[in-house]
């Protein structure tokens, strides 16, 4: 079954050169381990900083309105997502719980089944 790991957290450490360099090495190792095990699919995405985002919402007359940055003023933002292949939700959570960003910078990882229609 397919699942998505949604990576969230404070994005500041991701763009701190000293923190991100060591963390990226751990992520490359993590990716290799779970790819070889058949648990990680190609695809997914690391997202640019939220300061580069645009948000499209509904204006007062129903027309689209575009604003700079993320819509919500939160410290935690979505930083990326990874597709998983797992036997069940518990298997997917077991893989997600080894994400290096959890221990290194306090990332939170949401695991959600992919809708197959």
Foldseek 3Di string as FASTA:
>chain_A
DKKKKWKKDQCVQCPPVVLVVVLVVVQVVLCVVCVVVQWWDPDKDFDDDQQQDKDWDADPVRDIDIDGGDPDPDRMDGGMMTMTDAPDPVRVVVSVVPRSCCVRPNMDIDMGGDDDD
